């Protein structure tokens, strides 16, 4: 599944697609050992009466 690519501009906007870098905190060189591509999805559900 491909991530949603949309333009989020302006103050207070959070990116939908993030790249997280995983590092080994027990090693002294702290090199990146993995990268994860994550998409943020927000869902709102509202009652019919508001």
C-alpha atoms as a PDB file:
ATOM      1  CA  UNK A   1       0.000   0.000   0.000  1.00  0.00           C
ATOM      2  CA  UNK A   2       1.396   3.394  -0.955  1.00  0.00           C
ATOM      3  CA  UNK A   3       1.241   6.315   1.488  1.00  0.00           C
ATOM      4  CA  UNK A   4      -0.978   9.296   0.852  1.00  0.00           C
ATOM      5  CA  UNK A   5       1.045  12.091  -0.703  1.00  0.00           C
ATOM      6  CA  UNK A   6      -0.655  15.398  -0.100  1.00  0.00           C
ATOM      7  CA  UNK A   7       0.599  18.896   0.586  1.00  0.00           C
ATOM      8  CA  UNK A   8       0.272  19.964   4.229  1.00  0.00           C
ATOM      9  CA  UNK A   9       1.353  23.558   4.529  1.00  0.00           C
ATOM     10  CA  UNK A  10       0.786  26.199   7.127  1.00  0.00           C
ATOM     11  CA  UNK A  11       1.280  26.604  10.852  1.00  0.00           C
ATOM     12  CA  UNK A  12       0.199  23.706  13.039  1.00  0.00           C
ATOM     13  CA  UNK A  13       0.105  21.141  10.215  1.00  0.00           C
ATOM     14  CA  UNK A  14       1.710  17.798  10.908  1.00  0.00           C
ATOM     15  CA  UNK A  15       3.179  15.696   8.112  1.00  0.00           C
ATOM     16  CA  UNK A  16       1.204  12.564   7.221  1.00  0.00           C
ATOM     17  CA  UNK A  17       4.277  10.593   6.167  1.00  0.00           C
ATOM     18  CA  UNK A  18       7.267  10.253   8.501  1.00  0.00           C
ATOM     19  CA  UNK A  19      10.598   8.451   8.265  1.00  0.00           C
ATOM     20  CA  UNK A  20      11.709   7.089  11.633  1.00  0.00           C
ATOM     21  CA  UNK A  21      15.342   6.126  12.122  1.00  0.00           C
ATOM     22  CA  UNK A  22      16.177   3.291  14.514  1.00  0.00           C
ATOM     23  CA  UNK A  23      19.560   3.381  16.240  1.00  0.00           C
ATOM     24  CA  UNK A  24      21.233   0.996  18.649  1.00  0.00           C
ATOM     25  CA  UNK A  25      21.568   2.965  21.878  1.00  0.00           C
ATOM     26  CA  UNK A  26      24.008   0.423  23.333  1.00  0.00           C
ATOM     27  CA  UNK A  27      26.656   1.072  20.680  1.00  0.00           C
ATOM     28  CA  UNK A  28      28.916   4.110  20.762  1.00  0.00           C
ATOM     29  CA  UNK A  29      28.769   4.975  17.038  1.00  0.00           C
ATOM     30  CA  UNK A  30      24.938   5.330  17.058  1.00  0.00           C
ATOM     31  CA  UNK A  31      24.592   4.436  13.381  1.00  0.00           C
ATOM     32  CA  UNK A  32      21.152   4.023  11.854  1.00  0.00           C
ATOM     33  CA  UNK A  33      20.284   0.315  11.696  1.00  0.00           C
ATOM     34  CA  UNK A  34      16.796   0.663  10.161  1.00  0.00           C
ATOM     35  CA  UNK A  35      14.402   3.203   8.687  1.00  0.00           C
ATOM     36  CA  UNK A  36      10.631   2.940   8.961  1.00  0.00           C
ATOM     37  CA  UNK A  37       8.159   4.729   6.717  1.00  0.00           C
ATOM     38  CA  UNK A  38       5.006   5.543   8.707  1.00  0.00           C
ATOM     39  CA  UNK A  39       1.778   7.236   7.656  1.00  0.00           C
ATOM     40  CA  UNK A  40      -0.361   9.049  10.223  1.00  0.00           C
ATOM     41  CA  UNK A  41      -4.090   8.558   9.823  1.00  0.00           C
ATOM     42  CA  UNK A  42      -6.704  10.466  11.793  1.00  0.00           C
ATOM     43  CA  UNK A  43     -10.324   9.420  12.022  1.00  0.00           C
ATOM     44  CA  UNK A  44     -13.133  11.379  13.637  1.00  0.00           C
ATOM     45  CA  UNK A  45     -16.449   9.869  14.609  1.00  0.00           C
ATOM     46  CA  UNK A  46     -19.306  12.062  15.757  1.00  0.00           C
ATOM     47  CA  UNK A  47     -22.699  11.298  17.175  1.00  0.00           C
ATOM     48  CA  UNK A  48     -25.723  12.204  15.042  1.00  0.00           C
ATOM     49  CA  UNK A  49     -26.918  14.705  17.677  1.00  0.00           C
ATOM     50  CA  UNK A  50     -23.616  16.580  17.635  1.00  0.00           C
END
